[in-house]
Each structure stands twice: as C-alpha cells, then as structure tokens.
C-alpha atoms as a PDB file:
ATOM      1  CA  MET A   1      15.832  13.113   2.920  1.00  0.00           C
ATOM      2  CA  ARG A   2      14.615  13.442  -0.647  1.00  0.00           C
ATOM      3  CA  GLY A   3      11.670  15.466  -1.972  1.00  0.00           C
ATOM      4  CA  GLY A   4       9.120  12.657  -1.911  1.00  0.00           C
ATOM      5  CA  SER A   5      10.071  11.650   1.617  1.00  0.00           C
ATOM      6  CA  CYS A   6       9.829  15.241   2.859  1.00  0.00           C
ATOM      7  CA  SER A   7       6.418  15.662   1.242  1.00  0.00           C
ATOM      8  CA  ALA A   8       5.222  12.354   2.708  1.00  0.00           C
ATOM      9  CA  ARG A   9       6.329  13.220   6.235  1.00  0.00           C
ATOM     10  CA  ARG A  10       4.644  16.607   6.038  1.00  0.00           C
ATOM     11  CA  TYR A  11       1.394  15.224   4.609  1.00  0.00           C
ATOM     12  CA  ALA A  12       1.251  12.456   7.225  1.00  0.00           C
ATOM     13  CA  ARG A  13       2.116  14.946   9.990  1.00  0.00           C
ATOM     14  CA  TRP A  14       4.779  12.420  10.903  1.00  0.00           C
ATOM     15  CA  GLU A  15       6.730  14.807  13.129  1.00  0.00           C
ATOM     16  CA  LEU A  16       3.626  14.830  15.323  1.00  0.00           C
ATOM     17  CA  LEU A  17       2.423  11.249  14.912  1.00  0.00           C
ATOM     18  CA  GLU A  18       5.631   9.208  14.952  1.00  0.00           C
ATOM     19  CA  PRO A  19       6.619  10.154  18.543  1.00  0.00           C
ATOM     20  CA  VAL A  20       3.087   9.315  19.699  1.00  0.00           C
ATOM     21  CA  LEU A  21       3.196   5.853  18.122  1.00  0.00           C
ATOM     22  CA  GLU A  22       6.711   5.247  19.457  1.00  0.00           C
ATOM     23  CA  ALA A  23       5.690   6.294  22.985  1.00  0.00           C
ATOM     24  CA  GLN A  24       2.765   3.857  22.827  1.00  0.00           C
ATOM     25  CA  ARG A  25       5.059   1.058  21.675  1.00  0.00           C
ATOM     26  CA  ARG A  26       7.417   1.704  24.590  1.00  0.00           C
ATOM     27  CA  LEU A  27       4.496   2.069  27.044  1.00  0.00           C
ATOM     28  CA  VAL A  28       5.585   5.576  27.954  1.00  0.00           C
ATOM     29  CA  PRO A  29       2.814   7.326  29.927  1.00  0.00           C
ATOM     30  CA  GLY A  30       1.335  10.558  28.667  1.00  0.00           C
ATOM     31  CA  GLU A  31      -1.543  11.829  26.571  1.00  0.00           C
ATOM     32  CA  PRO A  32      -1.121  12.354  22.820  1.00  0.00           C
ATOM     33  CA  PRO A  33      -1.482  15.922  21.514  1.00  0.00           C
ATOM     34  CA  PRO A  34      -5.102  16.769  20.614  1.00  0.00           C
ATOM     35  CA  ALA A  35      -4.096  17.200  16.946  1.00  0.00           C
ATOM     36  CA  THR A  36      -3.442  13.443  16.826  1.00  0.00           C
ATOM     37  CA  ALA A  37      -7.211  12.959  16.586  1.00  0.00           C
ATOM     38  CA  ALA A  38      -7.143  14.208  12.973  1.00  0.00           C
ATOM     39  CA  CYS A  39      -4.320  11.910  11.790  1.00  0.00           C
ATOM     40  CA  ARG A  40      -5.377   9.423   9.131  1.00  0.00           C
ATOM     41  CA  THR A  41      -2.136   8.738   7.218  1.00  0.00           C
ATOM     42  CA  LEU A  42       0.653   6.288   8.014  1.00  0.00           C
ATOM     43  CA  LEU A  43       4.200   6.391   6.683  1.00  0.00           C
ATOM     44  CA  TYR A  44       5.962   3.045   6.365  1.00  0.00           C
ATOM     45  CA  THR A  45       9.579   2.427   5.353  1.00  0.00           C
ATOM     46  CA  PRO A  46      10.354  -1.270   4.811  1.00  0.00           C
ATOM     47  CA  SER A  47      13.709  -2.715   5.781  1.00  0.00           C
ATOM     48  CA  MET A  48      16.064  -4.120   3.176  1.00  0.00           C
ATOM     49  CA  THR A  49      15.247  -7.674   4.310  1.00  0.00           C
ATOM     50  CA  VAL A  50      11.491  -7.326   4.830  1.00  0.00           C
ATOM     51  CA  THR A  51       9.469 -10.481   4.238  1.00  0.00           C
ATOM     52  CA  PRO A  52       5.756 -10.714   3.381  1.00  0.00           C
ATOM     53  CA  ARG A  53       4.964 -11.883   6.917  1.00  0.00           C
ATOM     54  CA  ARG A  54       6.981  -9.110   8.518  1.00  0.00           C
ATOM     55  CA  LEU A  55       5.389  -6.489   6.242  1.00  0.00           C
ATOM     56  CA  ALA A  56       1.919  -7.711   7.176  1.00  0.00           C
ATOM     57  CA  ASP A  57       2.766  -7.706  10.899  1.00  0.00           C
ATOM     58  CA  GLU A  58       4.326  -4.228  10.791  1.00  0.00           C
ATOM     59  CA  LEU A  59       1.409  -2.728   8.881  1.00  0.00           C
ATOM     60  CA  PHE A  60      -1.076  -4.340  11.256  1.00  0.00           C
ATOM     61  CA  GLY A  61       0.858  -2.908  14.198  1.00  0.00           C
ATOM     62  CA  LEU A  62       0.929   0.582  12.698  1.00  0.00           C
ATOM     63  CA  GLN A  63      -2.798   0.569  11.930  1.00  0.00           C
ATOM     64  CA  ARG A  64      -3.631  -0.739  15.391  1.00  0.00           C
ATOM     65  CA  ALA A  65      -1.419   1.920  16.981  1.00  0.00           C
ATOM     66  CA  LEU A  66      -3.052   4.687  14.955  1.00  0.00           C
ATOM     67  CA  LYS A  67      -6.597   3.832  15.934  1.00  0.00           C
ATOM     68  CA  PHE A  68      -5.503   3.553  19.575  1.00  0.00           C
ATOM     69  CA  ALA A  69      -3.748   6.940  19.417  1.00  0.00           C
ATOM     70  CA  VAL A  70      -6.737   8.626  17.793  1.00  0.00           C
ATOM     71  CA  ALA A  71      -9.107   7.187  20.385  1.00  0.00           C
ATOM     72  CA  ARG A  72      -6.855   8.409  23.209  1.00  0.00           C
ATOM     73  CA  ALA A  73      -6.624  11.869  21.633  1.00  0.00           C
ATOM     74  CA  LEU A  74     -10.430  11.958  21.486  1.00  0.00           C
ATOM     75  CA  GLY A  75     -10.506  11.435  25.248  1.00  0.00           C
ATOM     76  CA  ALA A  76     -11.278   7.729  25.555  1.00  0.00           C
ATOM     77  CA  ASP A  77     -10.232   5.984  28.765  1.00  0.00           C
ATOM     78  CA  GLU A  78      -6.980   4.112  28.193  1.00  0.00           C
ATOM     79  CA  ASP A  79      -7.854   1.108  30.365  1.00  0.00           C
ATOM     80  CA  GLN A  80     -11.135   0.610  28.522  1.00  0.00           C
ATOM     81  CA  LEU A  81      -9.362   1.021  25.195  1.00  0.00           C
ATOM     82  CA  LEU A  82      -7.014  -1.846  25.988  1.00  0.00           C
ATOM     83  CA  MET A  83     -10.019  -4.122  26.473  1.00  0.00           C
ATOM     84  CA  GLN A  84     -11.874  -2.839  23.419  1.00  0.00           C
ATOM     85  CA  ILE A  85      -9.002  -2.335  20.942  1.00  0.00           C
ATOM     86  CA  GLN A  86     -10.417  -4.898  18.500  1.00  0.00           C
ATOM     87  CA  THR A  87     -13.709  -3.007  18.215  1.00  0.00           C
ATOM     88  CA  LEU A  88     -12.236   0.447  17.634  1.00  0.00           C
ATOM     89  CA  PRO A  89     -12.957   1.908  14.191  1.00  0.00           C
ATOM     90  CA  GLU A  90     -10.164   1.774  11.652  1.00  0.00           C
ATOM     91  CA  ARG A  91      -8.498   5.157  11.132  1.00  0.00           C
ATOM     92  CA  THR A  92      -5.987   4.512   8.339  1.00  0.00           C
ATOM     93  CA  GLU A  93      -7.195   6.224   5.175  1.00  0.00           C
ATOM     94  CA  LEU A  94      -3.830   6.418   3.400  1.00  0.00           C
ATOM     95  CA  LEU A  95      -0.621   4.397   3.589  1.00  0.00           C
ATOM     96  CA  ILE A  96       2.560   5.924   2.160  1.00  0.00           C
ATOM     97  CA  VAL A  97       5.383   3.453   1.534  1.00  0.00           C
ATOM     98  CA  ASP A  98       8.796   5.105   1.269  1.00  0.00           C
ATOM     99  CA  GLU A  99      11.844   3.332  -0.222  1.00  0.00           C
ATOM    100  CA  ALA A 100       9.419   1.117  -2.156  1.00  0.00           C
ATOM    101  CA  ASP A 101      12.344  -0.045  -4.316  1.00  0.00           C
ATOM    102  CA  ARG A 102      13.195  -2.430  -1.471  1.00  0.00           C
ATOM    103  CA  LEU A 103      10.049  -4.482  -2.030  1.00  0.00           C
ATOM    104  CA  LYS A 104      10.507  -7.693  -3.992  1.00  0.00           C
ATOM    105  CA  PHE A 105       7.683  -9.466  -5.773  1.00  0.00           C
ATOM    106  CA  PRO A 106       6.422 -11.507  -2.761  1.00  0.00           C
ATOM    107  CA  THR A 107       6.276  -8.413  -0.540  1.00  0.00           C
ATOM    108  CA  LEU A 108       4.610  -6.405  -3.307  1.00  0.00           C
ATOM    109  CA  GLU A 109       1.975  -9.126  -3.525  1.00  0.00           C
ATOM    110  CA  GLN A 110       1.483  -8.927   0.244  1.00  0.00           C
ATOM    111  CA  LEU A 111       1.132  -5.141  -0.006  1.00  0.00           C
ATOM    112  CA  ARG A 112      -1.403  -5.549  -2.820  1.00  0.00           C
ATOM    113  CA  ASP A 113      -3.390  -7.945  -0.640  1.00  0.00           C
ATOM    114  CA  GLU A 114      -3.327  -5.474   2.268  1.00  0.00           C
ATOM    115  CA  TYR A 115      -4.501  -2.716  -0.075  1.00  0.00           C
ATOM    116  CA  ASP A 116      -7.339  -4.838  -1.457  1.00  0.00           C
ATOM    117  CA  ARG A 117      -8.562  -6.045   1.955  1.00  0.00           C
ATOM    118  CA  ARG A 118      -8.028  -2.981   4.126  1.00  0.00           C
ATOM    119  CA  GLY A 119      -9.474  -0.351   1.808  1.00  0.00           C
ATOM    120  CA  PHE A 120      -6.888   2.386   2.405  1.00  0.00           C
ATOM    121  CA  GLY A 121      -5.295   4.522  -0.282  1.00  0.00           C
ATOM    122  CA  LEU A 122      -1.724   3.641  -1.208  1.00  0.00           C
ATOM    123  CA  VAL A 123       1.225   5.776  -2.343  1.00  0.00           C
ATOM    124  CA  LEU A 124       4.642   4.319  -3.232  1.00  0.00           C
ATOM    125  CA  ILE A 125       7.752   6.505  -3.165  1.00  0.00           C
ATOM    126  CA  GLY A 126      10.909   5.266  -4.848  1.00  0.00           C
ATOM    127  CA  MET A 127      13.631   5.887  -7.360  1.00  0.00           C
ATOM    128  CA  PRO A 128      12.835   6.782 -10.975  1.00  0.00           C
ATOM    129  CA  GLY A 129      12.256   3.535 -12.807  1.00  0.00           C
ATOM    130  CA  LEU A 130      10.028   2.096 -10.076  1.00  0.00           C
ATOM    131  CA  GLU A 131       7.046   2.325 -12.412  1.00  0.00           C
ATOM    132  CA  ARG A 132       8.782   0.205 -15.046  1.00  0.00           C
ATOM    133  CA  ARG A 133       9.609  -2.452 -12.477  1.00  0.00           C
ATOM    134  CA  LEU A 134       6.041  -2.533 -11.179  1.00  0.00           C
ATOM    135  CA  ALA A 135       4.755  -2.898 -14.741  1.00  0.00           C
ATOM    136  CA  ARG A 136       6.188  -6.433 -14.762  1.00  0.00           C
ATOM    137  CA  TYR A 137       3.679  -7.420 -12.070  1.00  0.00           C
ATOM    138  CA  ALA A 138       0.304  -7.180 -13.771  1.00  0.00           C
ATOM    139  CA  GLN A 139      -1.889  -7.673 -10.711  1.00  0.00           C
ATOM    140  CA  PHE A 140      -0.121  -4.953  -8.739  1.00  0.00           C
ATOM    141  CA  TYR A 141       0.314  -2.563 -11.665  1.00  0.00           C
ATOM    142  CA  SER A 142      -3.404  -2.717 -12.464  1.00  0.00           C
ATOM    143  CA  ARG A 143      -3.959  -0.815  -9.205  1.00  0.00           C
ATOM    144  CA  VAL A 144      -1.636   2.077 -10.182  1.00  0.00           C
ATOM    145  CA  GLY A 145      -3.698   5.193 -10.821  1.00  0.00           C
ATOM    146  CA  PHE A 146      -1.015   7.750 -11.724  1.00  0.00           C
ATOM    147  CA  VAL A 147       2.719   8.378 -11.544  1.00  0.00           C
ATOM    148  CA  HIS A 148       4.485  11.614 -10.589  1.00  0.00           C
ATOM    149  CA  GLN A 149       8.211  12.248 -10.968  1.00  0.00           C
ATOM    150  CA  PHE A 150       9.912  15.038  -9.045  1.00  0.00           C
ATOM    151  CA  ARG A 151      11.821  17.324 -11.415  1.00  0.00           C
ATOM    152  CA  THR A 152      15.283  18.745 -10.842  1.00  0.00           C
ATOM    153  CA  LEU A 153      15.476  21.957  -8.837  1.00  0.00           C
ATOM    154  CA  SER A 154      15.733  25.320 -10.536  1.00  0.00           C
ATOM    155  CA  ALA A 155      18.671  27.627  -9.840  1.00  0.00           C
ATOM    156  CA  ASP A 156      16.548  29.647  -7.394  1.00  0.00           C
ATOM    157  CA  GLY A 157      15.331  26.450  -5.757  1.00  0.00           C
ATOM    158  CA  MET A 158      18.892  25.213  -5.329  1.00  0.00           C
ATOM    159  CA  ARG A 159      20.005  28.488  -3.734  1.00  0.00           C
ATOM    160  CA  LEU A 160      17.130  28.268  -1.255  1.00  0.00           C
ATOM    161  CA  ILE A 161      17.828  24.617  -0.415  1.00  0.00           C
ATOM    162  CA  LEU A 162      21.569  25.199   0.014  1.00  0.00           C
ATOM    163  CA  ALA A 163      20.962  28.168   2.309  1.00  0.00           C
ATOM    164  CA  GLN A 164      18.729  25.934   4.430  1.00  0.00           C
ATOM    165  CA  LYS A 165      21.308  23.144   4.451  1.00  0.00           C
ATOM    166  CA  TRP A 166      24.064  25.507   5.594  1.00  0.00           C
ATOM    167  CA  GLY A 167      21.727  26.773   8.319  1.00  0.00           C
ATOM    168  CA  GLN A 168      20.871  23.254   9.518  1.00  0.00           C
ATOM    169  CA  LEU A 169      24.580  22.714  10.081  1.00  0.00           C
ATOM    170  CA  GLY A 170      24.840  25.912  12.115  1.00  0.00           C
ATOM    171  CA  LEU A 171      26.585  27.756   9.274  1.00  0.00           C
ATOM    172  CA  THR A 172      25.729  30.830   7.215  1.00  0.00           C
ATOM    173  CA  LEU A 173      25.933  30.573   3.442  1.00  0.00           C
ATOM    174  CA  ALA A 174      27.817  33.487   1.864  1.00  0.00           C
ATOM    175  CA  PRO A 175      27.641  33.084  -1.943  1.00  0.00           C
ATOM    176  CA  ASP A 176      30.145  35.938  -2.399  1.00  0.00           C
ATOM    177  CA  ASP A 177      32.727  34.134  -0.269  1.00  0.00           C
ATOM    178  CA  VAL A 178      35.224  32.271  -2.461  1.00  0.00           C
ATOM    179  CA  THR A 179      35.130  29.068  -0.391  1.00  0.00           C
ATOM    180  CA  ASP A 180      31.327  28.965  -0.258  1.00  0.00           C
ATOM    181  CA  ALA A 181      31.062  29.772  -3.969  1.00  0.00           C
ATOM    182  CA  GLU A 182      33.439  26.949  -4.874  1.00  0.00           C
ATOM    183  CA  ALA A 183      31.578  24.540  -2.581  1.00  0.00           C
ATOM    184  CA  ILE A 184      28.266  25.535  -4.186  1.00  0.00           C
ATOM    185  CA  GLY A 185      29.729  24.954  -7.639  1.00  0.00           C
ATOM    186  CA  ALA A 186      30.950  21.502  -6.622  1.00  0.00           C
ATOM    187  CA  ILE A 187      27.557  20.583  -5.191  1.00  0.00           C
ATOM    188  CA  LEU A 188      25.783  21.725  -8.358  1.00  0.00           C
ATOM    189  CA  ARG A 189      28.118  19.678 -10.555  1.00  0.00           C
ATOM    190  CA  ILE A 190      27.643  16.562  -8.447  1.00  0.00           C
ATOM    191  CA  THR A 191      23.859  16.741  -7.991  1.00  0.00           C
ATOM    192  CA  GLY A 192      22.668  18.471 -11.147  1.00  0.00           C
ATOM    193  CA  GLY A 193      19.804  19.917  -9.136  1.00  0.00           C
ATOM    194  CA  ASN A 194      18.556  16.472  -8.048  1.00  0.00           C
ATOM    195  CA  PHE A 195      16.952  16.919  -4.641  1.00  0.00           C
ATOM    196  CA  ARG A 196      17.543  13.312  -3.624  1.00  0.00           C
ATOM    197  CA  LEU A 197      21.270  13.633  -4.299  1.00  0.00           C
ATOM    198  CA  VAL A 198      21.429  16.942  -2.442  1.00  0.00           C
ATOM    199  CA  GLN A 199      19.960  15.249   0.629  1.00  0.00           C
ATOM    200  CA  ARG A 200      22.262  12.250   0.389  1.00  0.00           C
ATOM    201  CA  LEU A 201      25.308  14.424  -0.203  1.00  0.00           C
ATOM    202  CA  PHE A 202      24.591  16.642   2.791  1.00  0.00           C
ATOM    203  CA  SER A 203      24.139  13.659   5.074  1.00  0.00           C
ATOM    204  CA  GLN A 204      27.750  12.783   4.225  1.00  0.00           C
ATOM    205  CA  ILE A 205      28.908  16.405   4.487  1.00  0.00           C
ATOM    206  CA  GLU A 206      27.451  16.598   7.998  1.00  0.00           C
ATOM    207  CA  ARG A 207      29.230  13.367   8.956  1.00  0.00           C
ATOM    208  CA  ILE A 208      32.584  14.595   7.601  1.00  0.00           C
ATOM    209  CA  LEU A 209      32.288  17.963   9.355  1.00  0.00           C
ATOM    210  CA  GLU A 210      31.516  16.238  12.655  1.00  0.00           C
ATOM    211  CA  ILE A 211      34.286  13.640  12.387  1.00  0.00           C
ATOM    212  CA  ASN A 212      36.913  16.239  11.528  1.00  0.00           C
ATOM    213  CA  SER A 213      35.578  19.019  13.803  1.00  0.00           C
ATOM    214  CA  LEU A 214      35.270  21.398  10.839  1.00  0.00           C
ATOM    215  CA  ARG A 215      33.206  24.573  10.717  1.00  0.00           C
ATOM    216  CA  ALA A 216      33.163  25.269   6.975  1.00  0.00           C
ATOM    217  CA  ILE A 217      31.954  23.446   3.873  1.00  0.00           C
ATOM    218  CA  THR A 218      34.868  23.514   1.446  1.00  0.00           C
ATOM    219  CA  PRO A 219      35.297  21.933  -2.003  1.00  0.00           C
ATOM    220  CA  ASP A 220      37.466  19.273  -0.348  1.00  0.00           C
ATOM    221  CA  VAL A 221      34.675  18.432   2.094  1.00  0.00           C
ATOM    222  CA  VAL A 222      32.176  18.190  -0.767  1.00  0.00           C
ATOM    223  CA  ASP A 223      34.523  15.940  -2.726  1.00  0.00           C
ATOM    224  CA  ALA A 224      35.070  13.679   0.284  1.00  0.00           C
ATOM    225  CA  ALA A 225      31.291  13.464   0.731  1.00  0.00           C
ATOM    226  CA  ARG A 226      30.856  12.569  -2.948  1.00  0.00           C
ATOM    227  CA  GLN A 227      33.369   9.745  -2.627  1.00  0.00           C
ATOM    228  CA  SER A 228      31.309   8.317   0.243  1.00  0.00           C
ATOM    229  CA  LEU A 229      28.281   7.968  -2.023  1.00  0.00           C
ATOM    230  CA  VAL A 230      27.452   5.351  -4.593  1.00  0.00           C
ATOM    231  CA  ILE A 231      25.791   7.506  -7.222  1.00  0.00           C
ATOM    232  CA  GLY A 232      23.916   5.648  -9.891  1.00  0.00           C
ATOM    233  CA  THR A 233      20.524   6.209 -11.480  1.00  0.00           C
ATOM    234  CA  VAL A 234      18.573   8.838  -9.590  1.00  0.00           C
END
C-alpha cells in the first residue's frame, strides 16, 4: 500500500469503518463500535472496469451504509432504521477515491456530478501525472483546489520503513548482517526511496517467501520480486 493510500485509510478510520460496512452488507448481526458515530469519510477504490452507472450505484450504497452505521452507533433502533433509512441525515462529508487513474472520462464526469449534487469534499489519489490528465477535462479540473505529491523517502525514513516491513513478515532486520545489507541495497536501487514501489515490491517479496517457504529476504528474493513487477512511471 502506498503513502497516499495509507494516509487515506488512517484519515477515514477505515480499519474501523470498513468491517462495519461489510458486516451490514452481509447482514451479520452485531452493534457497530461506538466510535463509528464520528465517522464522516468514505474511501472508494474503483475497479478497472467501472462504468458511470456502477460508480454511481457503489457510491450511493456506501453513503447509505455510512448513515445507517452512524445511526446504529448512536443507539437508534435497527428495525425502525430500516423503515426510515431514506429520511436519515447524510453523513458523508469527504469522499477519498484511491486508484483514481482507473477512471476514464465518462466515470470522471459521473464523479463530478456526484460531487456537485451531494456536497461532499473530494480527494483523488493516483500516480504522478494524474493532474496533467485531469487538466484535459475542463469541467472536472475547474473543481481541483490543490495538488500534493508525496516525495521520496529519506535515508532515515527508508530504514524505518524497511524495519517495519521485515517485522510484518515475522523477520528481524539486521543491517550489519551481510545478507540483510545486500537485500537493503537491492531494494534501495530498485525503489529509489519511492514509497509506492516499496509497498509493491514487498507485496511480491511476501508472495515469494510464502511460495518457497523461505525465512530470509535475500538479494535473490528481491530480484525475483522485481521481475514480478511492471515498473514504469511512479
């Protein structure tokens, strides 16, 4: 998961909210955590083949689910809520769209219409260059307030991230160990401190370790992970 996605999930409290919305969708009984009552942000990741109609339906479903979850967390009776769902107040104040590069012009126009009619704030997360592509669509681009690009990680930042990544795989990073040092060097050469590439690379490293029942990240493992990626503009 890249930097923007991590920030979005944390801001939206998605680790808390997503299971609540999923449980509602599957009609799993149980009360949402009280903290759900304060949630006002939705995180949406479109599919590669999303259409304007599907985008509209999925956003409507997410917004409906959020206001239902908030009402339940505030103590409203669930049976009454089901009868009064249409009259519940809207709760979505911000919509964050991850992987916004997937949106073609028709779906961008649908998103613009949703933004104009629904009155929520809107954040798009995508690859560098997304701004230039949006600039070709005057009506949408006129709504863009500002653009922020995540910078490459510093040396200290990379050391911290790599230590966390080793730990997530149940390993301990030992920079003085020859194998770990060589693996670190390979990762730095491949990613150049780009957080997105670090995340993508480690998703492949984890897969290779699991498939081969390995318990160490070696330069060969890193190289095999690199070959599994299609690395272009980041």
